[in-house]
C-alpha cells in the first residue's frame, strides 16, 4: 500500500476510535457535519427511533454516497447528537469519516443501536454551542462546516438565547441549517406560529443556510436525504424548492 494511503488509513482509525490526532495529522474532509436531533419531551422513544431510521436510511442512500465521493477530499466527517435541555446533550455517534457505502452503513448501525439519553425542555442555544464545540475540537479540518439542527418547535426554555448562540456559531464560520419536523406522528405543527418561518428568522444562519421541512412520516427520510445532498454539495436552497 502506498505510504500516503497507509497514513490516511491510520488517521481514519484514530478518528474512529477517538484517539488524539496531532495538528500535523489533521484529517481533511469536504464537510464537517454535526447532526443535532431533537430529543426533547415532545419526542417519545418511538419517534426517536423514527428519526434515527430516517437519518440511517438517508446517509446510506446511493445519491448521498455519490455526493460524498465528489467532494474535494471524497469524504466527509459526521457526528450525531441528540439534544434536550441545557444539561442534556448526548453524542449518539461520535465523529465518523464517511467515504463509502460501507462506512455509511457502519455509522447507521451504530446510530440505531445506541440507547436514548437526552431529555428535557428545549435548549436550542445550548445545542448550537455544543455543536460548535464539537467542530472546533475534533482534530478534523473541513472545507466547509455545518451544524444541522432538527426541532419540532423554536422555543428555548433554558441556556443561552438562540440569537446569541447563532451569532457565535456564524461568527466562527459555521453554517446552521434546519430541519423543521412537522410530521404528524413524530411531533405536530405548532398551533401559534409558523415553524418554518421561525427557523428562518431565529435559528439558521451563515453561508447558504436553509430550512427543509419534514411534513409527514412518508417524506421524513426523503427530506433528510435532500438536506444531506445540499449540505454535502454546498448548494443553497431557495424558497421555491
Protein backbone atom coordinates (compact mmCIF):
# COMPACT_ATOMS: atom_id res chain seq x y z
CA UNK A 1 0.00 0.00 0.00
CA UNK A 2 1.40 3.46 -0.88
CA UNK A 3 2.62 5.47 2.11
CA UNK A 4 0.09 8.26 1.69
CA UNK A 5 -2.81 5.78 1.66
CA UNK A 6 -1.42 3.98 4.69
CA UNK A 7 -1.17 7.28 6.54
CA UNK A 8 -4.74 8.22 5.67
CA UNK A 9 -5.93 4.81 6.86
CA UNK A 10 -4.15 5.17 10.18
CA UNK A 11 -5.62 8.63 10.73
CA UNK A 12 -9.11 7.33 9.89
CA UNK A 13 -8.71 4.61 12.50
CA UNK A 14 -7.55 7.15 15.08
CA UNK A 15 -10.59 9.34 14.41
CA UNK A 16 -12.88 6.30 14.52
CA UNK A 17 -11.58 5.20 17.92
CA UNK A 18 -11.41 8.72 19.33
CA UNK A 19 -7.63 8.72 19.63
CA UNK A 20 -5.76 12.05 19.58
CA UNK A 21 -4.51 13.29 16.22
CA UNK A 22 -1.75 15.90 16.10
CA UNK A 23 -2.15 19.16 14.23
CA UNK A 24 0.23 17.84 11.57
CA UNK A 25 -2.00 14.80 11.09
CA UNK A 26 -5.38 16.52 10.84
CA UNK A 27 -7.83 14.61 8.70
CA UNK A 28 -9.04 16.80 5.83
CA UNK A 29 -12.62 16.35 4.63
CA UNK A 30 -15.01 18.08 2.30
CA UNK A 31 -17.53 18.69 5.10
CA UNK A 32 -17.70 18.56 8.89
CA UNK A 33 -21.36 17.95 9.74
CA UNK A 34 -22.96 17.95 13.18
CA UNK A 35 -26.46 16.45 13.13
CA UNK A 36 -28.35 17.86 16.12
CA UNK A 37 -31.54 15.82 16.53
CA UNK A 38 -34.46 16.89 18.72
CA UNK A 39 -34.84 14.59 21.75
CA UNK A 40 -36.91 16.90 23.94
CA UNK A 41 -40.02 15.96 25.89
CA UNK A 42 -42.31 16.23 22.87
CA UNK A 43 -40.37 13.43 21.15
CA UNK A 44 -41.14 9.98 22.58
CA UNK A 45 -38.89 6.91 22.27
CA UNK A 46 -40.68 5.60 19.19
CA UNK A 47 -40.21 8.96 17.50
CA UNK A 48 -36.51 8.95 18.45
CA UNK A 49 -36.12 5.66 16.59
CA UNK A 50 -38.18 7.01 13.69
CA UNK A 51 -35.84 9.98 13.37
CA UNK A 52 -32.74 7.80 13.61
CA UNK A 53 -34.09 5.42 10.98
CA UNK A 54 -34.70 8.37 8.69
CA UNK A 55 -31.10 9.52 9.03
CA UNK A 56 -29.77 5.97 8.74
CA UNK A 57 -31.71 5.44 5.52
CA UNK A 58 -30.72 8.81 4.08
CA UNK A 59 -27.00 8.64 4.75
CA UNK A 60 -26.72 5.22 3.07
CA UNK A 61 -28.70 6.31 0.02
CA UNK A 62 -26.68 5.91 -3.21
CA UNK A 63 -27.23 9.55 -4.17
CA UNK A 64 -25.78 10.70 -0.84
CA UNK A 65 -22.77 8.38 -1.19
CA UNK A 66 -22.21 9.70 -4.71
CA UNK A 67 -22.35 13.29 -3.44
CA UNK A 68 -19.80 12.48 -0.73
CA UNK A 69 -17.41 10.92 -3.23
CA UNK A 70 -17.49 14.03 -5.42
CA UNK A 71 -16.42 16.39 -2.61
CA UNK A 72 -12.96 17.90 -2.59
CA UNK A 73 -11.46 15.13 -0.42
CA UNK A 74 -14.00 12.45 -1.39
CA UNK A 75 -15.05 12.05 2.24
CA UNK A 76 -16.96 13.87 4.97
CA UNK A 77 -16.98 13.74 8.79
CA UNK A 78 -20.31 13.33 10.59
CA UNK A 79 -21.44 13.12 14.21
CA UNK A 80 -25.00 12.60 15.50
CA UNK A 81 -26.12 14.32 18.70
CA UNK A 82 -29.49 14.26 20.46
CA UNK A 83 -30.29 17.36 22.45
CA UNK A 84 -32.78 18.23 25.17
CA UNK A 85 -32.46 20.82 27.93
CA UNK A 86 -29.35 22.84 28.73
CA UNK A 87 -27.79 19.97 30.68
CA UNK A 88 -28.72 17.19 28.25
CA UNK A 89 -26.76 16.77 25.03
CA UNK A 90 -25.85 13.19 24.11
CA UNK A 91 -23.32 12.22 21.44
CA UNK A 92 -25.09 9.19 19.99
CA UNK A 93 -22.43 8.61 17.32
CA UNK A 94 -19.05 10.31 17.60
CA UNK A 95 -17.14 11.69 14.63
CA UNK A 96 -17.02 9.21 11.76
CA UNK A 97 -15.29 9.54 8.43
CA UNK A 98 -17.71 8.56 5.68
CA UNK A 99 -16.25 7.88 2.25
CA UNK A 100 -18.16 4.82 1.04
CA UNK A 101 -21.33 2.82 1.45
CA UNK A 102 -19.54 0.59 3.95
CA UNK A 103 -18.52 3.44 6.25
CA UNK A 104 -22.02 4.96 5.95
CA UNK A 105 -23.53 1.62 6.96
CA UNK A 106 -21.25 1.45 9.99
CA UNK A 107 -22.45 4.91 11.02
CA UNK A 108 -26.09 3.86 10.55
CA UNK A 109 -25.73 0.63 12.51
CA UNK A 110 -24.23 2.44 15.48
CA UNK A 111 -26.90 5.13 15.28
CA UNK A 112 -29.71 2.58 15.53
CA UNK A 113 -28.15 0.63 18.39
CA UNK A 114 -27.48 3.36 20.96
CA UNK A 115 -29.99 3.98 23.78
CA UNK A 116 -31.70 7.31 24.18
CA UNK A 117 -30.21 9.57 26.87
CA UNK A 118 -31.12 13.19 26.08
CA UNK A 119 -34.31 14.67 27.52
CA UNK A 120 -35.92 17.82 28.89
CA UNK A 121 -37.31 21.08 27.52
CA UNK A 122 -35.84 22.86 24.51
CA UNK A 123 -32.42 24.45 24.84
CA UNK A 124 -31.64 25.26 21.22
CA UNK A 125 -28.97 27.84 22.07
CA UNK A 126 -27.08 25.30 24.16
CA UNK A 127 -27.37 22.69 21.39
CA UNK A 128 -25.92 25.07 18.80
CA UNK A 129 -22.95 25.94 21.00
CA UNK A 130 -22.41 22.25 21.76
CA UNK A 131 -22.24 21.58 18.03
CA UNK A 132 -19.77 24.42 17.58
CA UNK A 133 -17.54 22.95 20.27
CA UNK A 134 -17.59 19.54 18.59
CA UNK A 135 -16.43 21.06 15.32
CA UNK A 136 -13.70 23.17 16.87
CA UNK A 137 -12.23 20.38 18.99
CA UNK A 138 -12.25 17.34 16.73
CA UNK A 139 -8.80 17.40 15.05
CA UNK A 140 -10.50 17.36 11.66
CA UNK A 141 -10.24 20.10 9.05
CA UNK A 142 -13.31 20.60 6.90
CA UNK A 143 -13.54 22.56 3.64
CA UNK A 144 -16.99 23.52 4.93
CA UNK A 145 -18.51 23.25 8.40
CA UNK A 146 -22.22 22.81 9.09
CA UNK A 147 -24.48 22.32 12.09
CA UNK A 148 -27.79 20.80 11.12
CA UNK A 149 -30.47 21.10 13.80
CA UNK A 150 -33.88 19.42 13.78
CA UNK A 151 -36.70 20.55 16.04
CA UNK A 152 -40.48 20.50 16.29
CA UNK A 153 -40.57 23.97 17.84
CA UNK A 154 -38.43 27.09 18.03
CA UNK A 155 -38.86 27.57 21.78
CA UNK A 156 -35.86 27.99 24.05
CA UNK A 157 -36.58 27.32 27.71
CA UNK A 158 -33.08 27.27 29.19
CA UNK A 159 -29.48 28.02 28.39
CA UNK A 160 -28.21 30.93 26.26
CA UNK A 161 -30.61 32.76 23.92
CA UNK A 162 -30.79 31.36 20.41
CA UNK A 163 -29.78 34.68 18.86
CA UNK A 164 -26.56 34.92 20.85
CA UNK A 165 -25.67 31.31 20.14
CA UNK A 166 -26.42 31.75 16.45
CA UNK A 167 -24.21 34.83 16.27
CA UNK A 168 -21.33 32.99 17.91
CA UNK A 169 -21.64 29.97 15.63
CA UNK A 170 -21.89 32.01 12.43
CA UNK A 171 -19.00 34.26 13.51
CA UNK A 172 -16.88 31.11 13.72
CA UNK A 173 -17.55 30.40 10.04
CA UNK A 174 -20.03 27.60 10.68
CA UNK A 175 -23.35 27.41 8.81
CA UNK A 176 -26.54 26.47 10.65
CA UNK A 177 -29.18 24.63 8.63
CA UNK A 178 -32.55 23.46 9.90
CA UNK A 179 -34.95 20.55 9.64
CA UNK A 180 -38.43 21.66 10.71
CA UNK A 181 -40.18 18.48 11.92
CA UNK A 182 -43.91 18.67 11.26
CA UNK A 183 -44.84 15.05 10.62
CA UNK A 184 -47.97 14.07 12.49
CA UNK A 185 -46.65 11.09 14.43
CA UNK A 186 -43.24 12.49 15.30
CA UNK A 187 -44.18 15.94 16.54
CA UNK A 188 -47.02 18.04 15.17
CA UNK A 189 -47.22 21.57 13.81
CA UNK A 190 -47.15 24.34 16.43
CA UNK A 191 -50.55 25.97 16.73
CA UNK A 192 -49.42 29.52 17.44
CA UNK A 193 -46.74 30.20 14.80
CA UNK A 194 -45.16 29.17 11.50
CA UNK A 195 -42.31 26.81 12.41
CA UNK A 196 -40.51 27.10 9.07
CA UNK A 197 -40.58 30.90 9.28
CA UNK A 198 -39.33 30.76 12.88
CA UNK A 199 -36.41 28.61 11.74
CA UNK A 200 -35.54 31.11 9.02
CA UNK A 201 -35.81 34.15 11.27
CA UNK A 202 -34.41 32.81 14.53
CA UNK A 203 -32.24 29.72 14.08
CA UNK A 204 -30.48 29.22 10.75
CA UNK A 205 -27.58 31.38 9.65
CA UNK A 206 -24.33 31.53 7.75
CA UNK A 207 -23.34 30.95 4.15
CA UNK A 208 -26.13 29.30 2.15
CA UNK A 209 -28.22 28.47 5.23
CA UNK A 210 -31.58 26.82 4.53
CA UNK A 211 -34.56 25.04 6.09
CA UNK A 212 -36.02 21.73 4.91
CA UNK A 213 -39.47 20.62 6.12
CA UNK A 214 -40.44 17.07 7.07
CA UNK A 215 -44.22 17.25 6.93
CA UNK A 216 -45.23 13.59 7.28
CA UNK A 217 -43.86 10.17 8.11
CA UNK A 218 -43.55 9.13 4.48
CA UNK A 219 -41.38 12.09 3.49
CA UNK A 220 -39.10 12.31 6.52
CA UNK A 221 -36.24 10.20 5.11
CA UNK A 222 -36.53 11.94 1.74
CA UNK A 223 -36.34 15.33 3.42
CA UNK A 224 -33.21 14.26 5.30
CA UNK A 225 -31.68 12.85 2.10
CA UNK A 226 -32.33 16.08 0.20
CA UNK A 227 -30.87 18.10 3.06
CA UNK A 228 -27.72 15.96 3.22
CA UNK A 229 -27.12 16.24 -0.52
CA UNK A 230 -27.47 20.01 -0.41
CA UNK A 231 -25.08 20.25 2.53
CA UNK A 232 -22.53 17.91 1.01
CA UNK A 233 -22.66 19.71 -2.33
CA UNK A 234 -22.58 23.10 -0.64
CA UNK A 235 -25.59 24.35 -2.59
CA UNK A 236 -28.07 26.77 -1.02
CA UNK A 237 -31.78 26.15 -1.42
CA UNK A 238 -34.33 28.76 -2.34
CA UNK A 239 -37.82 29.19 -1.02
CA UNK A 240 -39.39 27.58 -4.09
CA UNK A 241 -37.59 24.24 -3.74
